[in-house]
Amino acid sequence: MSKNICSSKICPWWLGYFLVSPLRKLLDNPEKILSPHVRAGMTALDVGPGMGYFTLPLAKIAGPSGRVIAVDLQEKMLSGLQRRAKRAGLSERIECRLASEKSLNLADLAGRVNFALACYVIHEVPDPERLLSEIARALAPGGRLLIVEPPSHISRADFEKYLALAQKNGLSTVSSSPLGRKLSALLEKSAG
């Protein structure tokens, strides 16, 4: 029997309002974190975007010719993201998708995503390998995945296990260095 992607550890939807607070930029500046990895015209994937704290900056950086796919398990998070995207004039660049308990529903994106972000999400799922496998399949050859996890939720050893699972699914570590006190790694899908 396969495990579900979702779990009881998922951030409650109502916390989404706090997660998009402008004060968060003092700790997590999305433009600073994303701009080294995203270029105009790219297709980006934001896994577990909540109400779009990173999604909106991703769409701005990807530009009018770019596309951002935001996948979340919670409809209320995606509704909040859609409202925020519309107010920011970015709704044409952002596609919101509802994940199911068994899948991120990314099969149609196989090999088409240039950059993926999994920020504060892997520790919330009971089957990280399935999550990383689906992300890896969506990445284009040479596509990159940025994983960011809070050390208050997982240990360095658990983070290393996530990196091993990513490697098992065809992603190699480009760099592994903390973003501030957060655990982070940039991984790449092999070009061949």
Protein backbone atom coordinates (compact mmCIF):
# COMPACT_ATOMS: atom_id res chain seq x y z
CA MET A 1 0.00 0.00 0.00
CA SER A 2 1.43 3.37 -0.98
CA LYS A 3 1.69 6.27 1.40
CA ASN A 4 -0.22 9.49 1.02
CA ILE A 5 1.61 12.67 0.15
CA CYS A 6 -0.38 14.60 2.75
CA SER A 7 -0.12 14.24 6.48
CA SER A 8 -1.43 15.70 9.69
CA LYS A 9 1.72 17.86 9.95
CA ILE A 10 0.53 20.18 7.17
CA CYS A 11 0.51 23.88 8.01
CA PRO A 12 -3.09 24.99 8.73
CA TRP A 13 -4.54 27.17 5.96
CA TRP A 14 -5.25 30.09 8.28
CA LEU A 15 -1.52 30.44 9.02
CA GLY A 16 -1.10 31.32 5.34
CA TYR A 17 -2.04 34.91 6.15
CA PHE A 18 0.87 35.18 8.58
CA LEU A 19 3.28 33.53 6.14
CA VAL A 20 2.76 36.27 3.54
CA SER A 21 3.41 39.10 5.99
CA PRO A 22 5.75 41.80 4.64
CA LEU A 23 7.73 41.49 7.88
CA ARG A 24 8.86 38.04 6.73
CA LYS A 25 11.21 39.73 4.25
CA LEU A 26 13.48 40.48 7.20
CA LEU A 27 14.14 36.72 7.46
CA ASP A 28 13.30 35.40 3.98
CA ASN A 29 13.80 37.84 1.13
CA PRO A 30 12.27 35.98 -1.84
CA GLU A 31 13.96 38.05 -4.54
CA LYS A 32 17.38 37.52 -2.95
CA ILE A 33 16.78 33.77 -2.56
CA LEU A 34 15.27 33.19 -6.03
CA SER A 35 17.00 35.62 -8.40
CA PRO A 36 20.26 33.64 -8.65
CA HIS A 37 18.27 30.64 -9.95
CA VAL A 38 15.42 31.99 -12.07
CA ARG A 39 15.56 33.81 -15.40
CA ALA A 40 12.96 35.43 -17.65
CA GLY A 41 11.01 32.91 -19.69
CA MET A 42 11.54 29.98 -17.31
CA THR A 43 8.90 27.53 -16.18
CA ALA A 44 9.03 27.32 -12.39
CA LEU A 45 7.31 25.02 -9.93
CA ASP A 46 6.43 26.07 -6.38
CA VAL A 47 5.53 23.02 -4.27
CA GLY A 48 3.49 23.84 -1.18
CA PRO A 49 3.28 27.57 -1.95
CA GLY A 50 0.72 28.41 0.68
CA MET A 51 -0.68 31.80 -0.27
CA GLY A 52 2.22 32.57 -2.56
CA TYR A 53 4.97 34.22 -0.55
CA PHE A 54 7.55 32.90 -3.04
CA THR A 55 5.15 32.34 -5.96
CA LEU A 56 4.53 36.01 -6.71
CA PRO A 57 8.26 36.92 -6.77
CA LEU A 58 8.89 33.81 -8.92
CA ALA A 59 6.32 35.09 -11.42
CA LYS A 60 7.88 38.56 -11.44
CA ILE A 61 11.37 37.18 -12.05
CA ALA A 62 10.17 34.72 -14.73
CA GLY A 63 8.57 37.67 -16.50
CA PRO A 64 5.68 37.84 -18.97
CA SER A 65 7.06 34.94 -21.04
CA GLY A 66 7.58 32.76 -17.96
CA ARG A 67 5.18 30.50 -16.12
CA VAL A 68 4.84 29.42 -12.50
CA ILE A 69 2.93 26.32 -11.44
CA ALA A 70 1.90 26.45 -7.78
CA VAL A 71 0.83 23.08 -6.33
CA ASP A 72 -0.77 22.80 -2.92
CA LEU A 73 -2.96 20.29 -1.12
CA GLN A 74 -5.17 22.98 0.41
CA GLU A 75 -7.77 24.75 -1.72
CA LYS A 76 -7.95 27.67 0.72
CA MET A 77 -4.22 28.32 0.33
CA LEU A 78 -4.56 28.29 -3.47
CA SER A 79 -7.61 30.60 -3.31
CA GLY A 80 -5.58 33.07 -1.25
CA LEU A 81 -2.71 32.81 -3.72
CA GLN A 82 -5.05 33.45 -6.67
CA ARG A 83 -6.49 36.56 -4.99
CA ARG A 84 -2.99 37.90 -4.27
CA ALA A 85 -1.81 37.13 -7.83
CA LYS A 86 -4.79 38.96 -9.32
CA ARG A 87 -4.16 42.04 -7.15
CA ALA A 88 -0.49 42.02 -8.19
CA GLY A 89 -1.36 41.69 -11.90
CA LEU A 90 0.41 38.31 -12.11
CA SER A 91 -2.48 35.87 -12.47
CA GLU A 92 -1.75 35.27 -16.17
CA ARG A 93 1.69 33.89 -15.26
CA ILE A 94 0.61 31.64 -12.39
CA GLU A 95 -1.24 28.34 -12.67
CA CYS A 96 -2.60 26.94 -9.42
CA ARG A 97 -3.03 23.19 -9.10
CA LEU A 98 -4.62 21.20 -6.35
CA ALA A 99 -2.57 18.16 -5.32
CA SER A 100 -4.28 14.98 -4.25
CA GLU A 101 -3.38 12.77 -1.32
CA LYS A 102 -1.52 10.47 -3.70
CA SER A 103 0.01 12.85 -6.24
CA LEU A 104 1.18 16.36 -7.01
CA ASN A 105 -0.60 15.98 -10.39
CA LEU A 106 2.41 16.99 -12.45
CA ALA A 107 2.46 14.20 -15.07
CA ASP A 108 1.81 16.64 -17.94
CA LEU A 109 4.89 18.66 -16.92
CA ALA A 110 7.39 15.78 -17.29
CA GLY A 111 10.74 17.22 -18.39
CA ARG A 112 9.41 20.78 -18.75
CA VAL A 113 10.22 22.59 -15.49
CA ASN A 114 13.42 24.67 -15.33
CA PHE A 115 13.34 25.48 -11.62
CA ALA A 116 11.46 24.02 -8.66
CA LEU A 117 11.18 25.29 -5.11
CA ALA A 118 10.33 23.13 -2.10
CA CYS A 119 10.48 25.59 0.78
CA TYR A 120 9.44 24.35 4.23
CA VAL A 121 7.43 21.52 2.71
CA ILE A 122 9.33 18.22 2.65
CA HIS A 123 9.16 17.78 6.43
CA GLU A 124 5.35 17.99 6.17
CA VAL A 125 4.91 14.92 3.95
CA PRO A 126 4.96 11.29 5.08
CA ASP A 127 6.53 10.13 1.81
CA PRO A 128 9.38 12.50 0.88
CA GLU A 129 10.69 10.06 -1.72
CA ARG A 130 7.44 10.18 -3.70
CA LEU A 131 7.40 13.96 -3.51
CA LEU A 132 11.01 14.24 -4.70
CA SER A 133 10.39 11.65 -7.42
CA GLU A 134 7.48 13.64 -8.83
CA ILE A 135 9.48 16.87 -8.74
CA ALA A 136 12.46 15.16 -10.42
CA ARG A 137 10.23 13.84 -13.23
CA ALA A 138 8.86 17.34 -13.83
CA LEU A 139 12.33 18.89 -14.10
CA ALA A 140 13.89 19.35 -17.52
CA PRO A 141 17.44 18.06 -18.02
CA GLY A 142 19.62 20.62 -16.26
CA GLY A 143 16.61 21.83 -14.26
CA ARG A 144 17.24 22.73 -10.64
CA LEU A 145 15.48 22.20 -7.33
CA LEU A 146 16.03 24.42 -4.32
CA ILE A 147 15.14 22.72 -1.03
CA VAL A 148 14.84 24.85 2.10
CA GLU A 149 13.91 23.44 5.50
CA PRO A 150 13.78 25.01 8.96
CA PRO A 151 16.24 23.48 11.46
CA SER A 152 13.59 23.90 14.15
CA HIS A 153 11.51 21.21 12.39
CA ILE A 154 14.15 18.74 11.17
CA SER A 155 17.67 17.72 12.05
CA ARG A 156 20.70 17.97 9.80
CA ALA A 157 20.63 14.14 9.58
CA ASP A 158 17.02 14.17 8.33
CA PHE A 159 17.93 16.87 5.80
CA GLU A 160 20.78 14.68 4.54
CA LYS A 161 18.26 11.83 4.13
CA TYR A 162 16.17 14.10 1.90
CA LEU A 163 19.24 14.84 -0.20
CA ALA A 164 19.96 11.09 -0.49
CA LEU A 165 16.37 10.50 -1.66
CA ALA A 166 16.75 13.29 -4.23
CA GLN A 167 19.97 11.70 -5.46
CA LYS A 168 18.19 8.34 -5.73
CA ASN A 169 15.74 10.09 -8.06
CA GLY A 170 18.39 11.49 -10.41
CA LEU A 171 19.19 14.81 -8.77
CA SER A 172 22.74 15.71 -7.82
CA THR A 173 23.68 18.30 -5.24
CA VAL A 174 25.15 21.48 -6.73
CA SER A 175 25.55 23.21 -3.38
CA SER A 176 24.46 22.63 0.17
CA SER A 177 24.73 25.67 2.36
CA PRO A 178 22.43 27.24 4.89
CA LEU A 179 20.32 30.25 3.97
CA GLY A 180 20.80 32.04 7.24
CA ARG A 181 19.97 29.40 9.84
CA LYS A 182 17.85 27.38 7.42
CA LEU A 183 18.97 24.11 5.88
CA SER A 184 19.14 24.41 2.10
CA ALA A 185 20.49 22.69 -0.96
CA LEU A 186 20.44 23.32 -4.69
CA LEU A 187 20.09 20.15 -6.77
CA GLU A 188 20.22 19.56 -10.51
CA LYS A 189 18.76 16.95 -12.83
CA SER A 190 21.42 15.42 -15.05
CA ALA A 191 21.43 16.65 -18.61
CA GLY A 192 21.66 13.18 -20.11
